[in-house]
Structures are given as C-alpha cells and as structure tokens.
Amino acid sequence: MGLLSILKKLRANPEKELRILLLGLDNAGKTTILRFLANEDITQVTPTQGFNIKSIHTDGFKLNVWDIGGARKIRPYWRNYFENTDVLIYVIDSADLNRLEETGEELSELLTEDKLRGVPVLVYANKQDVAQSVTAAQIAESLGLPHIKDRDWQIQSCVATDGKGIKEGLEWACKNVKKK
C-alpha cells in the first residue's frame, strides 16, 4: 500500500474528537479513572489542585479529557470548562455516605447549566469494592437520575483502582455523544 492510499484511507476515516469533562467531589476517584484510561500508574495519585488534561485514543475516538479538581474551593471554577463539552462524566465515591447529598446537589447544579444543556452524562459509582458502598441503582434513585428527561444518562458501577466498569462506561459515553 502506497503513501497516497494510506493518506486517502486516513482522510476517509478521521478520528472523531470529543471533549470530556470529568467532575465530582474531591476524593471521588476522578484522577485515578483518568490515569487508568491513559494506562498510567495509579499507585501514587494526589489530590488535583487545578486540572489534568489527557488525550486518549479509543475505538476511533480521540478523547480530550479534562479532569478538574473537586475540592470545595475549586468547584466555583468548574464553569470555566463547560464550553464545547461533548460528554460530562461525574464520579461519585459510593462509600462516602456522608457526602452523597452534597454530591447530588453539585450534580443537580451542573445539569441546570446552559453550556451543558443536552450533554450526555455518565455517572461512575466508584469504589464499589468498599464494604459500605451503596449500589449504583441506589445512587441513581437518591440522585433522581431516572427523572432526567433532557439528556441521555447512564450510571456505571466501577472500581477505579482495578479498572472494573471503566471501559464499559466509556463505551456508553462514546456511543451517546450528541454534538450541540
């Protein structure tokens, strides 16, 4: 196969580029998920004080993932990253029962943002390997996810430290992208 035919094939099947916003409260597992997706070491993850950006290639997609810190003082700045978002991934610590209401309030607020209108939402119910964790179905009910009618949504059980459920969630996200 010559260079010209390779270039024609590449032009005929260009990779679709997606902008993914990865949000959630601090210590939910956002950066661990991002590092898992990028095939990076997840043994030494520190709290994100600002943001991390990684480009990941998967299934004909180039995913530009923006992982924004979830500490209370950083959350007001989330809105600076909403522009041109194709998929919102929201990560929840399923074992942190004391903050379930707080994370639900943050997610509800995100879903009212004009710049995120109609953007599909993937909720990762992370840390399912912890004994006191709440199931994804219970989280979906407590957050009122079944009442969301203005966008596609999915909740996915996962364990970021071993990757369980991460790829399945990402596959859903890539299949349900809607360009504004």
N, C-alpha and C. Protein backbone atom coordinates (compact mmCIF):
# COMPACT_ATOMS: atom_id res chain seq x y z
N MET A 1 0.85 -1.18 0.00
CA MET A 1 0.00 0.00 0.00
C MET A 1 0.89 1.24 0.00
N GLY A 2 0.65 2.12 -0.97
CA GLY A 2 1.46 3.32 -1.09
C GLY A 2 1.03 4.42 -0.14
N LEU A 3 1.86 5.43 -0.05
CA LEU A 3 1.60 6.55 0.85
C LEU A 3 0.29 7.26 0.50
N LEU A 4 0.02 7.43 -0.80
CA LEU A 4 -1.20 8.11 -1.21
C LEU A 4 -2.44 7.35 -0.76
N SER A 5 -2.45 6.03 -0.90
CA SER A 5 -3.63 5.26 -0.47
C SER A 5 -3.77 5.26 1.04
N ILE A 6 -2.68 5.30 1.78
CA ILE A 6 -2.75 5.40 3.24
C ILE A 6 -3.36 6.74 3.64
N LEU A 7 -2.92 7.83 2.99
CA LEU A 7 -3.47 9.15 3.30
C LEU A 7 -4.95 9.24 2.96
N LYS A 8 -5.36 8.64 1.84
CA LYS A 8 -6.78 8.64 1.47
C LYS A 8 -7.60 7.88 2.50
N LYS A 9 -7.07 6.77 2.98
CA LYS A 9 -7.79 5.96 3.98
C LYS A 9 -7.93 6.73 5.28
N LEU A 10 -6.87 7.41 5.68
CA LEU A 10 -6.93 8.21 6.91
C LEU A 10 -7.95 9.34 6.79
N ARG A 11 -7.99 9.99 5.62
CA ARG A 11 -8.94 11.07 5.42
C ARG A 11 -10.37 10.55 5.37
N ALA A 12 -10.56 9.35 4.87
CA ALA A 12 -11.90 8.77 4.77
C ALA A 12 -12.44 8.36 6.14
N ASN A 13 -11.56 8.02 7.07
CA ASN A 13 -11.96 7.59 8.40
C ASN A 13 -11.26 8.41 9.48
N PRO A 14 -11.52 9.72 9.50
CA PRO A 14 -10.84 10.52 10.53
C PRO A 14 -11.36 10.16 11.91
N GLU A 15 -10.46 10.28 12.87
CA GLU A 15 -10.84 10.03 14.25
C GLU A 15 -11.77 11.14 14.72
N LYS A 16 -12.84 10.77 15.38
CA LYS A 16 -13.75 11.77 15.93
C LYS A 16 -13.16 12.26 17.25
N GLU A 17 -13.11 13.56 17.39
CA GLU A 17 -12.53 14.15 18.60
C GLU A 17 -13.64 14.59 19.55
N LEU A 18 -13.53 14.18 20.80
CA LEU A 18 -14.53 14.51 21.81
C LEU A 18 -13.89 15.22 22.99
N ARG A 19 -14.63 16.17 23.53
CA ARG A 19 -14.18 16.87 24.74
C ARG A 19 -15.00 16.34 25.91
N ILE A 20 -14.32 15.72 26.85
CA ILE A 20 -14.98 15.11 28.01
C ILE A 20 -14.58 15.88 29.26
N LEU A 21 -15.59 16.24 30.04
CA LEU A 21 -15.36 16.93 31.30
C LEU A 21 -15.57 15.93 32.42
N LEU A 22 -14.55 15.74 33.24
CA LEU A 22 -14.55 14.76 34.33
C LEU A 22 -14.64 15.52 35.66
N LEU A 23 -15.82 15.45 36.30
CA LEU A 23 -16.07 16.20 37.53
C LEU A 23 -16.55 15.29 38.65
N GLY A 24 -16.58 15.83 39.84
CA GLY A 24 -17.04 15.13 41.04
C GLY A 24 -16.36 15.73 42.25
N LEU A 25 -16.84 15.38 43.42
CA LEU A 25 -16.22 15.90 44.64
C LEU A 25 -14.79 15.39 44.77
N ASP A 26 -14.03 16.06 45.61
CA ASP A 26 -12.67 15.62 45.89
C ASP A 26 -12.70 14.20 46.48
N ASN A 27 -11.69 13.43 46.15
CA ASN A 27 -11.51 12.05 46.63
C ASN A 27 -12.52 11.06 46.06
N ALA A 28 -13.19 11.42 44.97
CA ALA A 28 -14.15 10.50 44.35
C ALA A 28 -13.45 9.47 43.46
N GLY A 29 -12.28 9.82 42.93
CA GLY A 29 -11.54 8.90 42.08
C GLY A 29 -11.39 9.37 40.64
N LYS A 30 -11.60 10.64 40.37
CA LYS A 30 -11.53 11.18 39.01
C LYS A 30 -10.16 10.96 38.38
N THR A 31 -9.12 11.37 39.07
CA THR A 31 -7.77 11.27 38.52
C THR A 31 -7.35 9.81 38.36
N THR A 32 -7.76 8.96 39.27
CA THR A 32 -7.45 7.54 39.14
C THR A 32 -8.09 6.97 37.88
N ILE A 33 -9.34 7.35 37.62
CA ILE A 33 -10.02 6.91 36.40
C ILE A 33 -9.27 7.43 35.17
N LEU A 34 -8.91 8.70 35.17
CA LEU A 34 -8.18 9.28 34.04
C LEU A 34 -6.85 8.56 33.81
N ARG A 35 -6.13 8.31 34.87
CA ARG A 35 -4.84 7.61 34.72
C ARG A 35 -5.04 6.17 34.25
N PHE A 36 -6.08 5.52 34.72
CA PHE A 36 -6.36 4.17 34.25
C PHE A 36 -6.61 4.18 32.74
N LEU A 37 -7.43 5.13 32.29
CA LEU A 37 -7.75 5.22 30.86
C LEU A 37 -6.51 5.51 30.02
N ALA A 38 -5.56 6.26 30.59
CA ALA A 38 -4.33 6.62 29.88
C ALA A 38 -3.23 5.58 30.08
N ASN A 39 -3.55 4.46 30.72
CA ASN A 39 -2.57 3.40 31.00
C ASN A 39 -1.37 3.91 31.78
N GLU A 40 -1.64 4.74 32.77
CA GLU A 40 -0.59 5.29 33.61
C GLU A 40 -0.66 4.68 35.01
N ASP A 41 0.40 4.89 35.77
CA ASP A 41 0.49 4.37 37.13
C ASP A 41 -0.58 5.03 38.01
N ILE A 42 -1.32 4.21 38.74
CA ILE A 42 -2.37 4.73 39.62
C ILE A 42 -2.04 4.53 41.10
N THR A 43 -0.82 4.12 41.38
CA THR A 43 -0.46 3.85 42.78
C THR A 43 -0.14 5.12 43.57
N GLN A 44 0.24 6.19 42.89
CA GLN A 44 0.61 7.43 43.58
C GLN A 44 -0.23 8.60 43.06
N VAL A 45 -1.50 8.62 43.37
CA VAL A 45 -2.39 9.70 42.93
C VAL A 45 -2.56 10.69 44.07
N THR A 46 -2.32 11.95 43.78
CA THR A 46 -2.50 13.00 44.78
C THR A 46 -3.71 13.85 44.40
N PRO A 47 -4.31 14.54 45.37
CA PRO A 47 -5.47 15.38 45.05
C PRO A 47 -5.14 16.42 43.98
N THR A 48 -6.06 16.61 43.05
CA THR A 48 -5.87 17.56 41.97
C THR A 48 -6.19 18.97 42.48
N GLN A 49 -5.21 19.84 42.42
CA GLN A 49 -5.38 21.21 42.90
C GLN A 49 -5.90 22.14 41.81
N GLY A 50 -5.77 21.75 40.58
CA GLY A 50 -6.23 22.54 39.44
C GLY A 50 -6.95 21.62 38.48
N PHE A 51 -6.24 21.22 37.43
CA PHE A 51 -6.82 20.32 36.46
C PHE A 51 -5.75 19.48 35.78
N ASN A 52 -6.16 18.37 35.21
CA ASN A 52 -5.32 17.50 34.40
C ASN A 52 -6.01 17.36 33.04
N ILE A 53 -5.23 17.34 31.98
CA ILE A 53 -5.77 17.13 30.65
C ILE A 53 -4.99 15.99 30.01
N LYS A 54 -5.72 15.04 29.46
CA LYS A 54 -5.08 13.93 28.75
C LYS A 54 -5.87 13.65 27.49
N SER A 55 -5.17 13.28 26.43
CA SER A 55 -5.80 12.81 25.20
C SER A 55 -5.65 11.31 25.15
N ILE A 56 -6.78 10.65 24.95
CA ILE A 56 -6.81 9.19 24.94
C ILE A 56 -7.43 8.74 23.63
N HIS A 57 -6.81 7.78 22.97
CA HIS A 57 -7.32 7.25 21.71
C HIS A 57 -8.00 5.91 21.98
N THR A 58 -9.28 5.80 21.57
CA THR A 58 -10.02 4.57 21.79
C THR A 58 -11.14 4.43 20.77
N ASP A 59 -11.28 3.28 20.17
CA ASP A 59 -12.39 2.95 19.28
C ASP A 59 -12.71 4.03 18.25
N GLY A 60 -11.69 4.57 17.59
CA GLY A 60 -11.93 5.58 16.57
C GLY A 60 -12.20 6.97 17.12
N PHE A 61 -12.00 7.16 18.40
CA PHE A 61 -12.21 8.46 19.04
C PHE A 61 -10.91 8.97 19.64
N LYS A 62 -10.72 10.27 19.57
CA LYS A 62 -9.67 10.93 20.34
C LYS A 62 -10.42 11.66 21.45
N LEU A 63 -10.22 11.22 22.67
CA LEU A 63 -10.91 11.80 23.82
C LEU A 63 -9.98 12.79 24.52
N ASN A 64 -10.38 14.04 24.54
CA ASN A 64 -9.64 15.06 25.28
C ASN A 64 -10.35 15.19 26.62
N VAL A 65 -9.75 14.61 27.65
CA VAL A 65 -10.40 14.51 28.96
C VAL A 65 -9.83 15.59 29.88
N TRP A 66 -10.76 16.40 30.42
CA TRP A 66 -10.42 17.46 31.35
C TRP A 66 -10.86 17.01 32.74
N ASP A 67 -9.91 16.71 33.60
CA ASP A 67 -10.15 16.29 34.99
C ASP A 67 -9.94 17.52 35.86
N ILE A 68 -11.04 18.04 36.41
CA ILE A 68 -10.96 19.26 37.22
C ILE A 68 -11.08 18.89 38.70
N GLY A 69 -10.24 19.47 39.52
CA GLY A 69 -10.26 19.20 40.96
C GLY A 69 -11.65 19.40 41.55
N GLY A 70 -11.96 18.63 42.60
CA GLY A 70 -13.30 18.67 43.19
C GLY A 70 -13.37 19.26 44.58
N ALA A 71 -12.28 19.85 45.06
CA ALA A 71 -12.32 20.48 46.39
C ALA A 71 -13.32 21.64 46.35
N ARG A 72 -13.93 21.90 47.48
CA ARG A 72 -14.98 22.92 47.57
C ARG A 72 -14.52 24.27 47.00
N LYS A 73 -13.27 24.66 47.27
CA LYS A 73 -12.79 25.97 46.81
C LYS A 73 -12.55 26.01 45.30
N ILE A 74 -12.44 24.85 44.66
CA ILE A 74 -12.21 24.79 43.21
C ILE A 74 -13.52 24.72 42.43
N ARG A 75 -14.56 24.16 43.02
CA ARG A 75 -15.82 23.93 42.31
C ARG A 75 -16.42 25.17 41.63
N PRO A 76 -16.32 26.38 42.21
CA PRO A 76 -16.86 27.55 41.50
C PRO A 76 -16.20 27.78 40.14
N TYR A 77 -15.00 27.24 39.94
CA TYR A 77 -14.28 27.43 38.68
C TYR A 77 -14.65 26.39 37.63
N TRP A 78 -15.41 25.37 38.00
CA TRP A 78 -15.82 24.34 37.03
C TRP A 78 -16.43 24.97 35.80
N ARG A 79 -17.26 26.00 35.99
CA ARG A 79 -17.99 26.60 34.86
C ARG A 79 -17.07 27.15 33.78
N ASN A 80 -15.82 27.43 34.13
CA ASN A 80 -14.87 27.91 33.13
C ASN A 80 -14.52 26.84 32.09
N TYR A 81 -14.89 25.60 32.34
CA TYR A 81 -14.53 24.48 31.47
C TYR A 81 -15.73 23.87 30.74
N PHE A 82 -16.91 24.46 30.87
CA PHE A 82 -18.13 23.87 30.29
C PHE A 82 -18.20 23.99 28.77
N GLU A 83 -17.62 25.02 28.21
CA GLU A 83 -17.72 25.30 26.78
C GLU A 83 -17.30 24.11 25.92
N ASN A 84 -18.12 23.77 24.95
CA ASN A 84 -17.85 22.72 23.96
C ASN A 84 -17.69 21.31 24.55
N THR A 85 -18.30 21.06 25.70
CA THR A 85 -18.24 19.73 26.30
C THR A 85 -19.16 18.79 25.53
N ASP A 86 -18.64 17.62 25.16
CA ASP A 86 -19.43 16.61 24.45
C ASP A 86 -20.05 15.61 25.41
N VAL A 87 -19.33 15.29 26.48
CA VAL A 87 -19.81 14.32 27.47
C VAL A 87 -19.35 14.80 28.85
N LEU A 88 -20.28 14.73 29.81
CA LEU A 88 -19.95 15.02 31.20
C LEU A 88 -19.85 13.69 31.93
N ILE A 89 -18.69 13.44 32.53
CA ILE A 89 -18.53 12.26 33.38
C ILE A 89 -18.46 12.76 34.81
N TYR A 90 -19.37 12.27 35.63
CA TYR A 90 -19.44 12.69 37.02
C TYR A 90 -19.12 11.48 37.89
N VAL A 91 -18.12 11.62 38.75
CA VAL A 91 -17.65 10.50 39.56
C VAL A 91 -18.11 10.68 41.01
N ILE A 92 -18.66 9.60 41.55
CA ILE A 92 -19.16 9.60 42.93
C ILE A 92 -18.44 8.53 43.74
N ASP A 93 -18.04 8.88 44.95
CA ASP A 93 -17.48 7.92 45.89
C ASP A 93 -18.67 7.21 46.53
N SER A 94 -18.93 5.99 46.10
CA SER A 94 -20.10 5.22 46.56
C SER A 94 -20.03 4.85 48.04
N ALA A 95 -18.86 4.96 48.63
CA ALA A 95 -18.70 4.58 50.03
C ALA A 95 -18.77 5.79 50.97
N ASP A 96 -18.81 6.99 50.42
CA ASP A 96 -18.85 8.21 51.24
C ASP A 96 -20.29 8.65 51.43
N LEU A 97 -20.99 7.94 52.31
CA LEU A 97 -22.41 8.19 52.53
C LEU A 97 -22.69 9.57 53.10
N ASN A 98 -21.73 10.12 53.85
CA ASN A 98 -21.90 11.44 54.46
C ASN A 98 -21.96 12.56 53.42
N ARG A 99 -21.40 12.30 52.23
CA ARG A 99 -21.34 13.36 51.21
C ARG A 99 -22.24 13.06 50.01
N LEU A 100 -23.08 12.06 50.11
CA LEU A 100 -23.96 11.71 49.00
C LEU A 100 -24.91 12.86 48.66
N GLU A 101 -25.45 13.52 49.68
CA GLU A 101 -26.34 14.65 49.43
C GLU A 101 -25.59 15.80 48.77
N GLU A 102 -24.38 16.07 49.26
CA GLU A 102 -23.57 17.15 48.69
C GLU A 102 -23.24 16.89 47.22
N THR A 103 -22.86 15.67 46.91
CA THR A 103 -22.52 15.35 45.52
C THR A 103 -23.77 15.43 44.63
N GLY A 104 -24.91 15.06 45.18
CA GLY A 104 -26.16 15.17 44.43
C GLY A 104 -26.51 16.62 44.12
N GLU A 105 -26.28 17.50 45.09
CA GLU A 105 -26.54 18.92 44.89
C GLU A 105 -25.62 19.50 43.80
N GLU A 106 -24.36 19.09 43.82
CA GLU A 106 -23.41 19.57 42.80
C GLU A 106 -23.82 19.08 41.41
N LEU A 107 -24.21 17.82 41.31
CA LEU A 107 -24.63 17.28 40.02
C LEU A 107 -25.89 17.99 39.53
N SER A 108 -26.85 18.20 40.42
CA SER A 108 -28.09 18.91 40.03
C SER A 108 -27.78 20.30 39.50
N GLU A 109 -26.86 20.98 40.14
CA GLU A 109 -26.48 22.31 39.69
C GLU A 109 -25.84 22.26 38.30
N LEU A 110 -25.00 21.25 38.07
CA LEU A 110 -24.37 21.11 36.76
C LEU A 110 -25.41 20.90 35.66
N LEU A 111 -26.44 20.12 35.98
CA LEU A 111 -27.45 19.80 34.98
C LEU A 111 -28.33 20.99 34.60
N THR A 112 -28.25 22.08 35.37
CA THR A 112 -29.02 23.28 35.03
C THR A 112 -28.21 24.30 34.23
N GLU A 113 -26.93 24.03 34.04
CA GLU A 113 -26.06 24.97 33.33
C GLU A 113 -26.38 25.01 31.84
N ASP A 114 -26.55 26.21 31.30
CA ASP A 114 -26.87 26.38 29.89
C ASP A 114 -25.81 25.76 28.96
N LYS A 115 -24.54 25.93 29.30
CA LYS A 115 -23.47 25.42 28.44
C LYS A 115 -23.37 23.89 28.45
N LEU A 116 -24.07 23.25 29.39
CA LEU A 116 -24.09 21.78 29.45
C LEU A 116 -25.45 21.22 29.03
N ARG A 117 -26.33 22.08 28.51
CA ARG A 117 -27.67 21.66 28.11
C ARG A 117 -27.59 20.55 27.07
N GLY A 118 -28.27 19.44 27.34
CA GLY A 118 -28.34 18.32 26.42
C GLY A 118 -27.11 17.43 26.38
N VAL A 119 -26.07 17.78 27.12
CA VAL A 119 -24.84 16.98 27.12
C VAL A 119 -25.10 15.67 27.86
N PRO A 120 -24.77 14.52 27.23
CA PRO A 120 -24.95 13.24 27.91
C PRO A 120 -24.12 13.17 29.19
N VAL A 121 -24.66 12.48 30.20
CA VAL A 121 -23.99 12.37 31.49
C VAL A 121 -23.75 10.91 31.83
N LEU A 122 -22.50 10.60 32.10
CA LEU A 122 -22.12 9.29 32.61
C LEU A 122 -21.75 9.48 34.07
N VAL A 123 -22.42 8.76 34.95
CA VAL A 123 -22.09 8.81 36.38
C VAL A 123 -21.37 7.52 36.73
N TYR A 124 -20.14 7.66 37.18
CA TYR A 124 -19.40 6.49 37.68
C TYR A 124 -19.67 6.37 39.18
N ALA A 125 -20.27 5.27 39.59
CA ALA A 125 -20.45 4.96 41.02
C ALA A 125 -19.19 4.21 41.43
N ASN A 126 -18.17 4.96 41.80
CA ASN A 126 -16.84 4.41 42.08
C ASN A 126 -16.75 3.81 43.48
N LYS A 127 -15.71 3.05 43.68
CA LYS A 127 -15.36 2.42 44.96
C LYS A 127 -16.39 1.35 45.38
N GLN A 128 -16.88 0.62 44.40
CA GLN A 128 -17.84 -0.44 44.67
C GLN A 128 -17.22 -1.61 45.42
N ASP A 129 -15.90 -1.62 45.54
CA ASP A 129 -15.21 -2.68 46.27
C ASP A 129 -15.16 -2.43 47.78
N VAL A 130 -15.59 -1.26 48.22
CA VAL A 130 -15.58 -0.91 49.64
C VAL A 130 -16.85 -1.46 50.29
N ALA A 131 -16.69 -2.07 51.46
CA ALA A 131 -17.80 -2.77 52.13
C ALA A 131 -19.06 -1.92 52.30
N GLN A 132 -18.93 -0.68 52.72
CA GLN A 132 -20.12 0.13 53.00
C GLN A 132 -20.63 0.90 51.76
N SER A 133 -20.13 0.56 50.58
CA SER A 133 -20.56 1.30 49.38
C SER A 133 -22.03 1.04 49.06
N VAL A 134 -22.64 2.04 48.46
CA VAL A 134 -24.03 1.99 48.03
C VAL A 134 -24.04 1.55 46.57
N THR A 135 -25.00 0.76 46.17
CA THR A 135 -25.05 0.28 44.78
C THR A 135 -25.33 1.42 43.82
N ALA A 136 -25.00 1.20 42.55
CA ALA A 136 -25.27 2.20 41.52
C ALA A 136 -26.76 2.48 41.42
N ALA A 137 -27.59 1.45 41.53
CA ALA A 137 -29.04 1.64 41.46
C ALA A 137 -29.54 2.52 42.61
N GLN A 138 -29.00 2.31 43.81
CA GLN A 138 -29.40 3.14 44.96
C GLN A 138 -28.95 4.60 44.76
N ILE A 139 -27.77 4.77 44.21
CA ILE A 139 -27.27 6.13 43.96
C ILE A 139 -28.14 6.81 42.91
N ALA A 140 -28.47 6.08 41.85
CA ALA A 140 -29.33 6.65 40.79
C ALA A 140 -30.64 7.14 41.37
N GLU A 141 -31.24 6.35 42.24
CA GLU A 141 -32.50 6.75 42.87
C GLU A 141 -32.32 7.96 43.77
N SER A 142 -31.29 7.93 44.61
CA SER A 142 -31.10 9.04 45.56
C SER A 142 -30.78 10.35 44.85
N LEU A 143 -30.15 10.27 43.66
CA LEU A 143 -29.83 11.48 42.90
C LEU A 143 -30.96 11.90 41.97
N GLY A 144 -31.98 11.05 41.85
CA GLY A 144 -33.10 11.36 40.96
C GLY A 144 -32.78 11.20 39.49
N LEU A 145 -31.79 10.40 39.17
CA LEU A 145 -31.39 10.24 37.77
C LEU A 145 -32.54 9.76 36.87
N PRO A 146 -33.41 8.86 37.33
CA PRO A 146 -34.50 8.43 36.44
C PRO A 146 -35.43 9.56 36.00
N HIS A 147 -35.39 10.69 36.68
CA HIS A 147 -36.25 11.82 36.33
C HIS A 147 -35.61 12.75 35.30
N ILE A 148 -34.38 12.48 34.91
CA ILE A 148 -33.71 13.32 33.91
C ILE A 148 -34.30 12.99 32.54
N LYS A 149 -34.86 13.99 31.90
CA LYS A 149 -35.51 13.79 30.60
C LYS A 149 -34.88 14.61 29.48
N ASP A 150 -33.99 15.53 29.82
CA ASP A 150 -33.46 16.43 28.81
C ASP A 150 -32.11 16.01 28.21
N ARG A 151 -31.67 14.81 28.55
CA ARG A 151 -30.38 14.31 28.05
C ARG A 151 -30.28 12.82 28.32
N ASP A 152 -29.37 12.17 27.60
CA ASP A 152 -29.08 10.77 27.87
C ASP A 152 -28.21 10.70 29.12
N TRP A 153 -28.41 9.68 29.91
CA TRP A 153 -27.59 9.49 31.11
C TRP A 153 -27.40 7.99 31.34
N GLN A 154 -26.35 7.68 32.07
CA GLN A 154 -26.04 6.29 32.42
C GLN A 154 -25.30 6.31 33.75
N ILE A 155 -25.59 5.35 34.61
CA ILE A 155 -24.79 5.18 35.82
C ILE A 155 -24.06 3.86 35.66
N GLN A 156 -22.78 3.85 36.01
CA GLN A 156 -21.94 2.68 35.84
C GLN A 156 -21.19 2.39 37.14
N SER A 157 -21.39 1.21 37.69
CA SER A 157 -20.59 0.78 38.84
C SER A 157 -19.15 0.66 38.38
N CYS A 158 -18.22 1.04 39.24
CA CYS A 158 -16.82 0.87 38.87
C CYS A 158 -15.93 0.80 40.10
N VAL A 159 -14.73 0.33 39.83
CA VAL A 159 -13.65 0.31 40.82
C VAL A 159 -12.44 0.86 40.07
N ALA A 160 -12.15 2.13 40.28
CA ALA A 160 -11.10 2.79 39.52
C ALA A 160 -9.73 2.16 39.72
N THR A 161 -9.47 1.62 40.90
CA THR A 161 -8.14 1.08 41.18
C THR A 161 -7.82 -0.19 40.42
N ASP A 162 -8.86 -0.90 39.95
CA ASP A 162 -8.57 -2.08 39.11
C ASP A 162 -9.23 -2.00 37.74
N GLY A 163 -9.92 -0.89 37.47
CA GLY A 163 -10.49 -0.67 36.15
C GLY A 163 -11.86 -1.30 35.91
N LYS A 164 -12.39 -1.99 36.89
CA LYS A 164 -13.67 -2.66 36.70
C LYS A 164 -14.77 -1.63 36.39
N GLY A 165 -15.43 -1.80 35.25
CA GLY A 165 -16.54 -0.94 34.85
C GLY A 165 -16.14 0.34 34.11
N ILE A 166 -14.87 0.69 34.10
CA ILE A 166 -14.43 1.95 33.49
C ILE A 166 -14.65 1.92 31.97
N LYS A 167 -14.17 0.90 31.31
CA LYS A 167 -14.27 0.83 29.85
C LYS A 167 -15.73 0.74 29.40
N GLU A 168 -16.56 0.01 30.15
CA GLU A 168 -17.97 -0.11 29.79
C GLU A 168 -18.65 1.26 29.82
N GLY A 169 -18.34 2.04 30.83
CA GLY A 169 -18.89 3.39 30.91
C GLY A 169 -18.42 4.26 29.76
N LEU A 170 -17.15 4.18 29.44
CA LEU A 170 -16.60 4.99 28.36
C LEU A 170 -17.20 4.59 27.01
N GLU A 171 -17.43 3.30 26.82
CA GLU A 171 -18.08 2.84 25.58
C GLU A 171 -19.46 3.47 25.45
N TRP A 172 -20.22 3.49 26.55
CA TRP A 172 -21.54 4.13 26.53
C TRP A 172 -21.40 5.60 26.14
N ALA A 173 -20.44 6.28 26.76
CA ALA A 173 -20.26 7.71 26.50
C ALA A 173 -19.96 7.97 25.02
N CYS A 174 -19.08 7.18 24.43
CA CYS A 174 -18.73 7.37 23.02
C CYS A 174 -19.92 7.10 22.10
N LYS A 175 -20.75 6.16 22.45
CA LYS A 175 -21.93 5.83 21.62
C LYS A 175 -23.04 6.86 21.75
N ASN A 176 -23.08 7.61 22.84
CA ASN A 176 -24.18 8.51 23.11
C ASN A 176 -23.85 9.99 23.00
N VAL A 177 -22.76 10.29 22.32
CA VAL A 177 -22.36 11.67 22.15
C VAL A 177 -23.33 12.37 21.20
N LYS A 178 -23.70 13.55 21.58
CA LYS A 178 -24.54 14.39 20.72
C LYS A 178 -23.85 15.73 20.59
N LYS A 179 -23.54 16.11 19.41
CA LYS A 179 -22.93 17.43 19.17
C LYS A 179 -24.00 18.50 19.28
N LYS A 180 -23.65 19.59 19.92
CA LYS A 180 -24.60 20.70 20.05
C LYS A 180 -24.73 21.42 18.73
